[in-house]
């Protein structure tokens, strides 16, 4: 993807830099704080006012997003030191085919590749950031474990942010026709985009630390912060909110990170929502780190964040499916397997289509390190 879309990326960045400058010249607004007044805010601190919003753009809590055209150009014009390693590595993620998980009643987490997941929790089913089809920008290197036509009876579709590797128009148009009764849960200002593709689906937007109206779910579902950014076109920089999800029932909790750089919001989430049993953490698209760190966490920092959150089970994602950065596709998995003993918890490296059954919150004595196909 990097070489094929170099001109597109540079053009987007150039126009985006001009757009950002225009925002800065036209506006000198103070930071205001926004939220959905129809949803419950769970943040316990009295000084919490909502999600920060300034000059027409959403803001990270701790570290501002740097929209640097010069940095993007530097990355694109610098030779990748791992280019030959990537070319020589022919491995692909192992995929387990079938739809048995749809006929099960077990609580489970099932990886669909990249950042896409199927989750069943207390009888309620969720799809998170589904990407089912190739596009001009993204071509899968790992197979989807089932045909999209076989998918039915999903209760909720969760969309973490507007980037194309998490929010795919073709997939969401398909799901809008296939699953018109599924409720879509997402961040503030995402509804305008999604409603064009899914006109028959109910869409609910949340600010950070707001709980969705998921009345059919025997638990709570909260939109939580991430250190990231948003854009789909030329003039919409950070005009839609990004984040992650925290799902919780009486006996289980799942944290889905979304896309994020490393910041203290991880500790905040654990303090406010509780220490998660299952942490679904991004580990890929992290090189070069000097450029990617503000948007994508490295496997090393992801494990550190997992420890800071007090998580029990570490489930890596955001690698092996789409070529988005300089490192070989499976380098994050290699690092995790080689350093599994350093992880203070249960490492669950899933194959695509492999269900992780959530029968108990007890740690297993052995580490699951599913391998790839050669």
Protein backbone atom coordinates (compact mmCIF):
# COMPACT_ATOMS: atom_id res chain seq x y z
CA UNK A 1 0.00 0.00 0.00
CA UNK A 2 2.80 2.39 0.85
CA UNK A 3 4.31 2.63 -2.63
CA UNK A 4 1.03 2.36 -4.54
CA UNK A 5 -0.60 5.20 -2.69
CA UNK A 6 2.40 7.49 -2.14
CA UNK A 7 1.08 10.23 -4.44
CA UNK A 8 -2.40 10.01 -2.93
CA UNK A 9 -1.04 10.24 0.62
CA UNK A 10 1.17 13.20 -0.19
CA UNK A 11 -1.66 15.00 -1.95
CA UNK A 12 -4.05 14.42 0.95
CA UNK A 13 -1.47 15.61 3.43
CA UNK A 14 -0.70 18.74 1.43
CA UNK A 15 -4.33 19.73 1.14
CA UNK A 16 -4.90 18.71 4.75
CA UNK A 17 -2.05 20.93 5.90
CA UNK A 18 -3.60 23.83 4.02
CA UNK A 19 -6.97 23.02 5.59
CA UNK A 20 -5.48 22.98 9.08
CA UNK A 21 -3.80 26.34 8.44
CA UNK A 22 -7.13 27.73 7.24
CA UNK A 23 -8.80 26.54 10.43
CA UNK A 24 -6.11 28.20 12.51
CA UNK A 25 -6.34 31.51 10.61
CA UNK A 26 -10.12 31.70 10.64
CA UNK A 27 -10.76 30.59 14.21
CA UNK A 28 -9.40 31.29 17.63
CA UNK A 29 -11.98 29.43 19.67
CA UNK A 30 -11.42 28.34 23.22
CA UNK A 31 -11.67 24.64 23.97
CA UNK A 32 -15.24 23.55 24.57
CA UNK A 33 -16.47 20.18 25.72
CA UNK A 34 -19.12 18.15 23.92
CA UNK A 35 -21.22 15.07 24.62
CA UNK A 36 -24.49 13.40 23.69
CA UNK A 37 -27.09 14.82 26.11
CA UNK A 38 -29.24 11.71 25.63
CA UNK A 39 -26.59 9.38 27.05
CA UNK A 40 -25.29 8.79 30.55
CA UNK A 41 -21.76 9.99 31.30
CA UNK A 42 -19.94 7.63 33.66
CA UNK A 43 -16.81 9.68 34.38
CA UNK A 44 -16.76 10.12 38.19
CA UNK A 45 -14.63 13.27 38.40
CA UNK A 46 -16.60 16.46 39.02
CA UNK A 47 -14.31 18.47 36.73
CA UNK A 48 -14.98 16.20 33.71
CA UNK A 49 -16.91 18.30 31.18
CA UNK A 50 -16.90 16.02 28.13
CA UNK A 51 -14.86 15.45 25.00
CA UNK A 52 -12.56 18.39 24.11
CA UNK A 53 -13.41 20.22 20.88
CA UNK A 54 -11.59 23.29 19.55
CA UNK A 55 -11.51 25.19 16.25
CA UNK A 56 -13.99 22.77 14.72
CA UNK A 57 -11.88 19.71 15.58
CA UNK A 58 -11.81 17.04 18.27
CA UNK A 59 -8.73 16.93 20.50
CA UNK A 60 -6.82 14.17 22.27
CA UNK A 61 -6.89 14.31 26.05
CA UNK A 62 -3.15 14.45 26.67
CA UNK A 63 -1.08 14.80 23.49
CA UNK A 64 -2.20 17.01 20.58
CA UNK A 65 -2.25 15.43 17.14
CA UNK A 66 0.50 16.88 14.94
CA UNK A 67 -0.69 17.16 11.35
CA UNK A 68 2.76 17.46 9.79
CA UNK A 69 3.00 17.29 6.02
CA UNK A 70 6.81 17.53 6.34
CA UNK A 71 6.90 14.39 8.49
CA UNK A 72 4.66 12.46 6.10
CA UNK A 73 6.81 13.51 3.17
CA UNK A 74 9.96 12.52 5.06
CA UNK A 75 8.54 9.05 5.75
CA UNK A 76 7.39 8.51 2.17
CA UNK A 77 10.69 9.66 0.70
CA UNK A 78 12.92 7.73 3.12
CA UNK A 79 13.97 4.22 2.13
CA UNK A 80 12.40 1.56 4.30
CA UNK A 81 15.27 -0.29 6.06
CA UNK A 82 13.06 -3.42 6.23
CA UNK A 83 11.99 -3.42 2.60
CA UNK A 84 13.85 -6.62 1.76
CA UNK A 85 12.66 -8.32 4.96
CA UNK A 86 9.08 -7.57 3.99
CA UNK A 87 9.58 -8.86 0.47
CA UNK A 88 11.20 -12.09 1.66
CA UNK A 89 8.61 -12.88 4.35
CA UNK A 90 5.91 -14.92 2.60
CA UNK A 91 4.02 -15.94 5.76
CA UNK A 92 0.32 -15.19 6.12
CA UNK A 93 -1.96 -15.47 9.10
CA UNK A 94 -3.66 -18.82 9.56
CA UNK A 95 -7.40 -18.68 8.88
CA UNK A 96 -9.95 -21.11 10.31
CA UNK A 97 -12.90 -21.26 7.94
CA UNK A 98 -16.52 -21.73 8.98
CA UNK A 99 -19.51 -20.12 10.65
CA UNK A 100 -19.95 -22.50 13.61
CA UNK A 101 -19.54 -19.49 15.89
CA UNK A 102 -22.83 -18.07 14.62
CA UNK A 103 -24.71 -21.17 15.74
CA UNK A 104 -23.11 -21.25 19.19
CA UNK A 105 -24.48 -19.66 22.35
CA UNK A 106 -21.08 -19.37 24.05
CA UNK A 107 -19.58 -16.07 25.04
CA UNK A 108 -16.60 -15.59 22.73
CA UNK A 109 -14.20 -13.25 20.99
CA UNK A 110 -13.42 -14.13 17.36
CA UNK A 111 -10.86 -12.26 15.26
CA UNK A 112 -11.84 -11.48 11.66
CA UNK A 113 -8.45 -10.00 10.74
CA UNK A 114 -6.87 -6.56 11.27
CA UNK A 115 -9.15 -4.72 13.75
CA UNK A 116 -12.39 -6.58 12.95
CA UNK A 117 -14.01 -8.77 15.61
CA UNK A 118 -17.13 -10.77 16.31
CA UNK A 119 -18.05 -10.84 20.00
CA UNK A 120 -20.86 -12.62 21.81
CA UNK A 121 -21.39 -11.57 25.41
CA UNK A 122 -24.38 -12.61 27.55
CA UNK A 123 -26.23 -13.67 24.42
CA UNK A 124 -25.74 -10.34 22.62
CA UNK A 125 -23.70 -10.23 19.41
CA UNK A 126 -21.38 -7.46 18.27
CA UNK A 127 -19.37 -6.73 15.12
CA UNK A 128 -16.51 -4.28 15.65
CA UNK A 129 -14.90 -2.33 12.78
CA UNK A 130 -15.86 -4.93 10.13
CA UNK A 131 -13.86 -4.93 6.87
CA UNK A 132 -15.06 -7.66 4.51
CA UNK A 133 -13.93 -6.49 1.07
CA UNK A 134 -10.82 -5.25 -0.71
CA UNK A 135 -10.72 -1.65 -1.88
CA UNK A 136 -8.37 0.52 -3.98
CA UNK A 137 -6.67 1.53 -0.72
CA UNK A 138 -6.65 -1.81 1.10
CA UNK A 139 -6.07 -5.38 -0.09
CA UNK A 140 -6.29 -8.23 2.41
CA UNK A 141 -3.25 -10.41 3.01
CA UNK A 142 -5.29 -12.72 5.26
CA UNK A 143 -8.52 -14.46 4.29
CA UNK A 144 -11.91 -13.68 5.77
CA UNK A 145 -13.06 -16.81 7.63
CA UNK A 146 -16.55 -16.84 6.09
CA UNK A 147 -18.58 -15.43 3.23
CA UNK A 148 -20.27 -12.14 4.23
CA UNK A 149 -23.56 -13.54 2.86
CA UNK A 150 -23.54 -16.10 5.69
CA UNK A 151 -23.62 -13.44 8.40
CA UNK A 152 -26.93 -12.81 10.11
CA UNK A 153 -28.57 -11.91 13.41
CA UNK A 154 -26.07 -9.34 14.67
CA UNK A 155 -27.39 -7.06 17.41
CA UNK A 156 -24.82 -4.23 17.33
CA UNK A 157 -22.23 -2.90 14.89
CA UNK A 158 -19.50 -0.84 16.57
CA UNK A 159 -17.40 1.64 14.56
CA UNK A 160 -14.42 3.12 16.42
CA UNK A 161 -13.50 5.91 13.98
CA UNK A 162 -13.65 6.98 10.36
CA UNK A 163 -10.35 5.67 8.92
CA UNK A 164 -10.77 3.34 5.98
CA UNK A 165 -9.13 0.33 7.63
CA UNK A 166 -11.82 0.51 10.36
CA UNK A 167 -14.77 2.10 8.58
CA UNK A 168 -15.27 0.63 5.11
CA UNK A 169 -18.05 2.02 2.95
CA UNK A 170 -18.60 -1.13 0.89
CA UNK A 171 -18.79 -3.35 3.98
CA UNK A 172 -21.14 -1.03 5.83
CA UNK A 173 -23.43 -0.58 2.82
CA UNK A 174 -23.57 -4.39 2.57
CA UNK A 175 -24.31 -4.76 6.29
CA UNK A 176 -26.96 -2.04 6.10
CA UNK A 177 -28.84 -4.20 3.60
CA UNK A 178 -27.99 -7.52 5.24
CA UNK A 179 -28.61 -6.43 8.85
CA UNK A 180 -31.06 -3.49 8.85
CA UNK A 181 -32.10 -4.21 12.45
CA UNK A 182 -28.57 -4.01 13.84
CA UNK A 183 -27.97 -0.87 15.91
CA UNK A 184 -24.80 1.06 15.04
CA UNK A 185 -22.76 2.48 17.95
CA UNK A 186 -20.01 4.99 17.25
CA UNK A 187 -18.45 8.34 18.18
CA UNK A 188 -19.78 11.88 17.94
CA UNK A 189 -20.37 13.27 14.44
CA UNK A 190 -20.00 9.86 12.78
CA UNK A 191 -23.74 9.60 12.08
CA UNK A 192 -23.71 11.91 9.08
CA UNK A 193 -21.21 9.66 7.32
CA UNK A 194 -22.74 6.32 8.30
CA UNK A 195 -26.38 7.22 7.71
CA UNK A 196 -25.69 7.67 3.99
CA UNK A 197 -24.52 4.08 3.80
CA UNK A 198 -26.91 2.51 6.35
CA UNK A 199 -30.14 4.54 6.08
CA UNK A 200 -32.30 1.86 7.73
CA UNK A 201 -30.09 1.26 10.78
CA UNK A 202 -30.45 3.12 14.05
CA UNK A 203 -27.20 4.99 14.77
CA UNK A 204 -26.18 6.24 18.20
CA UNK A 205 -23.19 8.55 18.80
CA UNK A 206 -21.33 8.90 22.09
CA UNK A 207 -18.67 11.13 23.54
CA UNK A 208 -15.84 9.74 25.64
CA UNK A 209 -16.97 7.98 28.82
CA UNK A 210 -20.59 7.89 27.72
CA UNK A 211 -22.68 4.74 28.02
CA UNK A 212 -24.77 3.68 25.03
CA UNK A 213 -28.48 2.87 25.27
CA UNK A 214 -27.94 -0.84 24.66
CA UNK A 215 -31.13 -2.04 26.34
CA UNK A 216 -30.94 -5.51 24.78
CA UNK A 217 -27.50 -6.09 26.30
CA UNK A 218 -27.30 -7.42 29.88
CA UNK A 219 -24.38 -5.16 30.68
CA UNK A 220 -22.88 -1.77 29.87
CA UNK A 221 -21.11 -0.53 26.75
CA UNK A 222 -19.03 2.65 27.03
CA UNK A 223 -17.16 4.70 24.41
CA UNK A 224 -13.68 5.40 25.77
CA UNK A 225 -10.80 7.67 24.70
CA UNK A 226 -7.91 6.90 22.37
CA UNK A 227 -4.94 8.97 21.25
CA UNK A 228 -5.57 9.20 17.53
CA UNK A 229 -7.10 11.38 14.80
CA UNK A 230 -9.75 11.29 12.08
CA UNK A 231 -10.09 11.99 8.38
CA UNK A 232 -11.62 10.50 5.24
CA UNK A 233 -11.44 13.32 2.72
CA UNK A 234 -9.58 16.53 2.09
CA UNK A 235 -11.27 18.98 4.43
CA UNK A 236 -12.63 16.92 7.35
CA UNK A 237 -9.59 16.62 9.61
CA UNK A 238 -10.62 15.56 13.15
CA UNK A 239 -14.25 16.47 12.60
CA UNK A 240 -15.47 13.02 13.73
CA UNK A 241 -14.62 11.50 17.10
CA UNK A 242 -12.38 8.45 17.51
CA UNK A 243 -12.17 6.05 20.44
CA UNK A 244 -12.49 2.51 21.78
CA UNK A 245 -15.13 0.42 23.53
CA UNK A 246 -15.48 -1.07 27.00
CA UNK A 247 -18.03 -3.89 27.34
CA UNK A 248 -18.91 -5.12 30.81
CA UNK A 249 -21.27 -7.66 32.36
CA UNK A 250 -21.50 -8.97 35.92
CA UNK A 251 -18.64 -11.41 35.42
CA UNK A 252 -16.70 -10.32 32.30
CA UNK A 253 -15.22 -7.18 30.80
CA UNK A 254 -13.68 -6.52 27.37
CA UNK A 255 -11.63 -3.47 26.36
CA UNK A 256 -11.31 -2.82 22.63
CA UNK A 257 -8.59 -0.22 22.08
CA UNK A 258 -9.42 1.02 18.58
CA UNK A 259 -6.41 2.85 17.12
CA UNK A 260 -4.26 4.64 19.66
CA UNK A 261 -0.85 5.94 20.51
CA UNK A 262 0.50 5.52 24.02
CA UNK A 263 -0.82 7.97 26.62
CA UNK A 264 -2.18 8.05 30.22
CA UNK A 265 -5.74 7.49 29.00
CA UNK A 266 -5.11 3.75 29.40
CA UNK A 267 -4.79 4.14 33.17
CA UNK A 268 -7.81 6.45 33.19
CA UNK A 269 -9.96 3.82 31.47
CA UNK A 270 -8.99 1.15 33.99
CA UNK A 271 -9.68 3.51 36.89
CA UNK A 272 -13.08 4.59 35.57
CA UNK A 273 -14.37 1.42 33.88
CA UNK A 274 -12.45 -1.20 35.89
CA UNK A 275 -9.47 -3.40 35.16
CA UNK A 276 -10.42 -5.32 32.00
CA UNK A 277 -10.44 -9.10 31.82
CA UNK A 278 -9.80 -9.10 28.06
CA UNK A 279 -7.72 -6.40 26.37
CA UNK A 280 -7.91 -6.28 22.56
CA UNK A 281 -4.84 -4.20 21.76
CA UNK A 282 -3.40 -2.90 18.49
CA UNK A 283 0.21 -3.94 17.93
CA UNK A 284 0.90 -3.30 14.23
CA UNK A 285 1.44 -0.46 11.74
CA UNK A 286 3.95 1.04 14.18
CA UNK A 287 7.08 1.69 12.08
CA UNK A 288 8.77 4.04 11.69
CA UNK A 289 7.98 4.76 15.33
CA UNK A 290 9.03 8.42 15.13
CA UNK A 291 6.13 8.93 12.71
CA UNK A 292 3.56 6.30 13.71
CA UNK A 293 3.75 6.55 17.51
CA UNK A 294 1.10 9.25 17.85
CA UNK A 295 -1.47 7.08 16.09
CA UNK A 296 -0.46 3.40 16.46
CA UNK A 297 1.04 1.79 19.52
CA UNK A 298 3.97 -0.65 19.20
CA UNK A 299 3.72 -4.21 20.56
CA UNK A 300 6.20 -3.24 23.27
CA UNK A 301 4.16 -0.24 24.39
CA UNK A 302 0.90 -2.15 24.02
CA UNK A 303 2.11 -4.73 26.54
CA UNK A 304 3.18 -1.90 28.85
CA UNK A 305 -0.28 -0.32 28.56
CA UNK A 306 -1.87 -3.72 29.25
CA UNK A 307 0.17 -3.96 32.45
CA UNK A 308 -0.78 -0.44 33.48
CA UNK A 309 -4.44 -1.28 32.99
CA UNK A 310 -4.15 -4.45 35.07
CA UNK A 311 -5.57 -6.61 32.29
CA UNK A 312 -5.79 -10.40 32.48
CA UNK A 313 -5.84 -11.60 28.86
CA UNK A 314 -3.91 -9.83 26.07
CA UNK A 315 -5.37 -10.24 22.56
CA UNK A 316 -3.30 -8.60 19.79
CA UNK A 317 -4.85 -7.10 16.65
CA UNK A 318 -4.14 -4.55 13.88
CA UNK A 319 -1.44 -6.59 12.14
CA UNK A 320 -1.08 -9.27 9.49
CA UNK A 321 -3.98 -8.24 7.23
CA UNK A 322 -3.24 -4.85 5.63
CA UNK A 323 0.16 -3.42 4.65
CA UNK A 324 0.09 0.01 6.29
CA UNK A 325 3.64 0.67 7.47
CA UNK A 326 7.32 -0.27 7.27
CA UNK A 327 7.53 -3.43 9.38
CA UNK A 328 6.82 -6.92 7.97
CA UNK A 329 3.20 -7.91 8.50
CA UNK A 330 3.87 -10.54 11.14
CA UNK A 331 6.71 -8.82 13.01
CA UNK A 332 4.40 -7.81 15.89
CA UNK A 333 3.32 -11.43 16.38
CA UNK A 334 6.94 -12.59 16.28
CA UNK A 335 7.86 -10.11 19.01
CA UNK A 336 4.94 -11.19 21.21
CA UNK A 337 5.75 -14.87 20.87
CA UNK A 338 9.43 -14.27 21.62
CA UNK A 339 8.61 -12.14 24.67
CA UNK A 340 5.54 -13.96 25.96
CA UNK A 341 7.14 -14.65 29.34
CA UNK A 342 7.45 -10.91 29.96
CA UNK A 343 3.69 -10.48 29.74
CA UNK A 344 2.06 -10.43 33.16
CA UNK A 345 -1.08 -12.16 32.04
CA UNK A 346 -2.41 -14.56 29.44
CA UNK A 347 -1.24 -13.93 25.88
CA UNK A 348 -3.87 -15.00 23.34
CA UNK A 349 -2.48 -14.82 19.81
CA UNK A 350 -5.52 -15.83 17.77
CA UNK A 351 -5.73 -17.19 14.28
CA UNK A 352 -8.27 -15.46 12.06
CA UNK A 353 -11.60 -17.19 12.64
CA UNK A 354 -10.45 -18.85 15.88
CA UNK A 355 -12.96 -18.38 18.72
CA UNK A 356 -11.70 -17.57 22.20
CA UNK A 357 -14.40 -18.92 24.52
CA UNK A 358 -14.99 -16.76 27.56
CA UNK A 359 -16.06 -19.49 29.95
CA UNK A 360 -14.05 -18.23 32.90
CA UNK A 361 -11.94 -15.28 33.92
CA UNK A 362 -9.27 -17.60 35.35
CA UNK A 363 -5.84 -17.36 33.73
CA UNK A 364 -4.64 -20.39 31.83
CA UNK A 365 -1.30 -21.83 32.89
CA UNK A 366 -0.08 -22.02 29.30
CA UNK A 367 0.19 -19.31 26.70
CA UNK A 368 -1.77 -19.65 23.49
CA UNK A 369 0.53 -18.80 20.59
CA UNK A 370 -1.35 -19.75 17.43
CA UNK A 371 0.97 -19.75 14.43
CA UNK A 372 0.67 -18.53 10.90
CA UNK A 373 0.47 -20.38 7.63
CA UNK A 374 3.65 -20.66 5.52
